[in-house]
Amino acid sequence: MKLTQLFRRDRTVIKRADAQDQAEKILAESLRLLSQVCTKVADLIETQRLERAGYSNNAYLQRLDNPPKPGDAEHKKE
């Protein structure tokens, strides 16, 4: 009868937990990297869209709707 197997620690559970932990870390890091790539692509698309609309990179955007003048609000109430 072999008694050495009674006192042996089973390392397979620990190895599986370490492998799952490592896989979760890699997945989380990959998703973070993917989100950074998506953000940069979205910024590039938005920049190209604005350039086609006539805005350069360093230009301030112009409001197309005219904000109401202080006196206009009083005339509309009356």
C-alpha atoms as a PDB file:
ATOM      1  CA  MET A   1       0.000   0.000   0.000  1.00  0.00           C
ATOM      2  CA  LYS A   2       1.392   3.384  -1.016  1.00  0.00           C
ATOM      3  CA  LEU A   3       0.929   6.119   1.560  1.00  0.00           C
ATOM      4  CA  THR A   4       2.851   8.750  -0.350  1.00  0.00           C
ATOM      5  CA  GLN A   5      -0.198   9.599  -2.474  1.00  0.00           C
ATOM      6  CA  LEU A   6      -2.245  10.346   0.664  1.00  0.00           C
ATOM      7  CA  PHE A   7       0.030  13.217   1.645  1.00  0.00           C
ATOM      8  CA  ARG A   8       0.675  14.537  -1.845  1.00  0.00           C
ATOM      9  CA  ARG A   9      -0.791  17.939  -2.605  1.00  0.00           C
ATOM     10  CA  ASP A  10      -2.906  18.103  -5.718  1.00  0.00           C
ATOM     11  CA  ARG A  11      -1.485  20.936  -7.796  1.00  0.00           C
ATOM     12  CA  THR A  12      -3.916  20.582 -10.725  1.00  0.00           C
ATOM     13  CA  VAL A  13      -6.522  22.829  -9.078  1.00  0.00           C
ATOM     14  CA  ILE A  14      -3.926  25.527  -8.457  1.00  0.00           C
ATOM     15  CA  LYS A  15      -2.606  25.236 -12.021  1.00  0.00           C
ATOM     16  CA  ARG A  16      -6.116  25.567 -13.423  1.00  0.00           C
ATOM     17  CA  ALA A  17      -6.789  28.641 -11.283  1.00  0.00           C
ATOM     18  CA  ASP A  18      -3.496  30.212 -12.404  1.00  0.00           C
ATOM     19  CA  ALA A  19      -4.285  29.450 -16.044  1.00  0.00           C
ATOM     20  CA  GLN A  20      -7.756  30.993 -15.732  1.00  0.00           C
ATOM     21  CA  ASP A  21      -6.307  34.050 -13.997  1.00  0.00           C
ATOM     22  CA  GLN A  22      -3.716  34.464 -16.748  1.00  0.00           C
ATOM     23  CA  ALA A  23      -6.375  34.096 -19.464  1.00  0.00           C
ATOM     24  CA  GLU A  24      -8.583  36.714 -17.779  1.00  0.00           C
ATOM     25  CA  LYS A  25      -5.646  39.128 -17.538  1.00  0.00           C
ATOM     26  CA  ILE A  26      -4.845  38.677 -21.231  1.00  0.00           C
ATOM     27  CA  LEU A  27      -8.499  39.128 -22.202  1.00  0.00           C
ATOM     28  CA  ALA A  28      -8.851  42.314 -20.113  1.00  0.00           C
ATOM     29  CA  GLU A  29      -5.649  43.777 -21.558  1.00  0.00           C
ATOM     30  CA  SER A  30      -6.735  42.883 -25.084  1.00  0.00           C
ATOM     31  CA  LEU A  31     -10.077  44.628 -24.598  1.00  0.00           C
ATOM     32  CA  ARG A  32      -8.320  47.737 -23.268  1.00  0.00           C
ATOM     33  CA  LEU A  33      -6.023  47.777 -26.280  1.00  0.00           C
ATOM     34  CA  LEU A  34      -8.972  47.267 -28.626  1.00  0.00           C
ATOM     35  CA  SER A  35     -10.801  50.192 -27.038  1.00  0.00           C
ATOM     36  CA  GLN A  36      -7.770  52.434 -27.578  1.00  0.00           C
ATOM     37  CA  VAL A  37      -7.595  51.400 -31.226  1.00  0.00           C
ATOM     38  CA  CYS A  38     -11.333  52.053 -31.675  1.00  0.00           C
ATOM     39  CA  THR A  39     -10.978  55.492 -30.061  1.00  0.00           C
ATOM     40  CA  LYS A  40      -8.137  56.441 -32.401  1.00  0.00           C
ATOM     41  CA  VAL A  41     -10.042  55.210 -35.463  1.00  0.00           C
ATOM     42  CA  ALA A  42     -13.140  57.160 -34.379  1.00  0.00           C
ATOM     43  CA  ASP A  43     -11.031  60.310 -33.926  1.00  0.00           C
ATOM     44  CA  LEU A  44      -9.519  59.831 -37.379  1.00  0.00           C
ATOM     45  CA  ILE A  45     -12.942  59.398 -38.970  1.00  0.00           C
ATOM     46  CA  GLU A  46     -14.266  62.488 -37.190  1.00  0.00           C
ATOM     47  CA  THR A  47     -11.223  64.515 -38.285  1.00  0.00           C
ATOM     48  CA  GLN A  48     -11.688  63.473 -41.897  1.00  0.00           C
ATOM     49  CA  ARG A  49     -15.397  64.304 -41.732  1.00  0.00           C
ATOM     50  CA  LEU A  50     -14.667  67.775 -40.377  1.00  0.00           C
ATOM     51  CA  GLU A  51     -11.989  68.370 -43.013  1.00  0.00           C
ATOM     52  CA  ARG A  52     -14.468  67.479 -45.758  1.00  0.00           C
ATOM     53  CA  ALA A  53     -16.894  69.968 -44.203  1.00  0.00           C
ATOM     54  CA  GLY A  54     -14.251  72.693 -44.546  1.00  0.00           C
ATOM     55  CA  TYR A  55     -12.732  72.787 -41.080  1.00  0.00           C
ATOM     56  CA  SER A  56      -9.002  72.423 -40.631  1.00  0.00           C
ATOM     57  CA  ASN A  57      -7.382  70.668 -37.682  1.00  0.00           C
ATOM     58  CA  ASN A  58      -6.734  73.794 -35.638  1.00  0.00           C
ATOM     59  CA  ALA A  59      -9.820  75.800 -36.575  1.00  0.00           C
ATOM     60  CA  TYR A  60     -12.504  76.583 -34.060  1.00  0.00           C
ATOM     61  CA  LEU A  61     -15.962  75.343 -34.921  1.00  0.00           C
ATOM     62  CA  GLN A  62     -18.561  77.944 -35.771  1.00  0.00           C
ATOM     63  CA  ARG A  63     -22.132  77.772 -34.484  1.00  0.00           C
ATOM     64  CA  LEU A  64     -24.639  77.580 -37.282  1.00  0.00           C
ATOM     65  CA  ASP A  65     -27.637  78.344 -35.118  1.00  0.00           C
ATOM     66  CA  ASN A  66     -27.701  81.940 -34.014  1.00  0.00           C
ATOM     67  CA  PRO A  67     -27.926  82.192 -30.235  1.00  0.00           C
ATOM     68  CA  PRO A  68     -30.797  84.464 -29.160  1.00  0.00           C
ATOM     69  CA  LYS A  69     -29.862  88.006 -28.283  1.00  0.00           C
ATOM     70  CA  PRO A  70     -30.722  89.222 -24.780  1.00  0.00           C
ATOM     71  CA  GLY A  71     -33.462  91.557 -26.094  1.00  0.00           C
ATOM     72  CA  ASP A  72     -35.110  88.891 -28.281  1.00  0.00           C
ATOM     73  CA  ALA A  73     -36.320  86.797 -25.373  1.00  0.00           C
ATOM     74  CA  GLU A  74     -38.193  89.738 -23.849  1.00  0.00           C
ATOM     75  CA  HIS A  75     -40.042  90.530 -27.110  1.00  0.00           C
ATOM     76  CA  LYS A  76     -41.189  86.914 -27.534  1.00  0.00           C
ATOM     77  CA  LYS A  77     -42.741  86.801 -24.049  1.00  0.00           C
ATOM     78  CA  GLU A  78     -44.958  89.795 -24.710  1.00  0.00           C
END
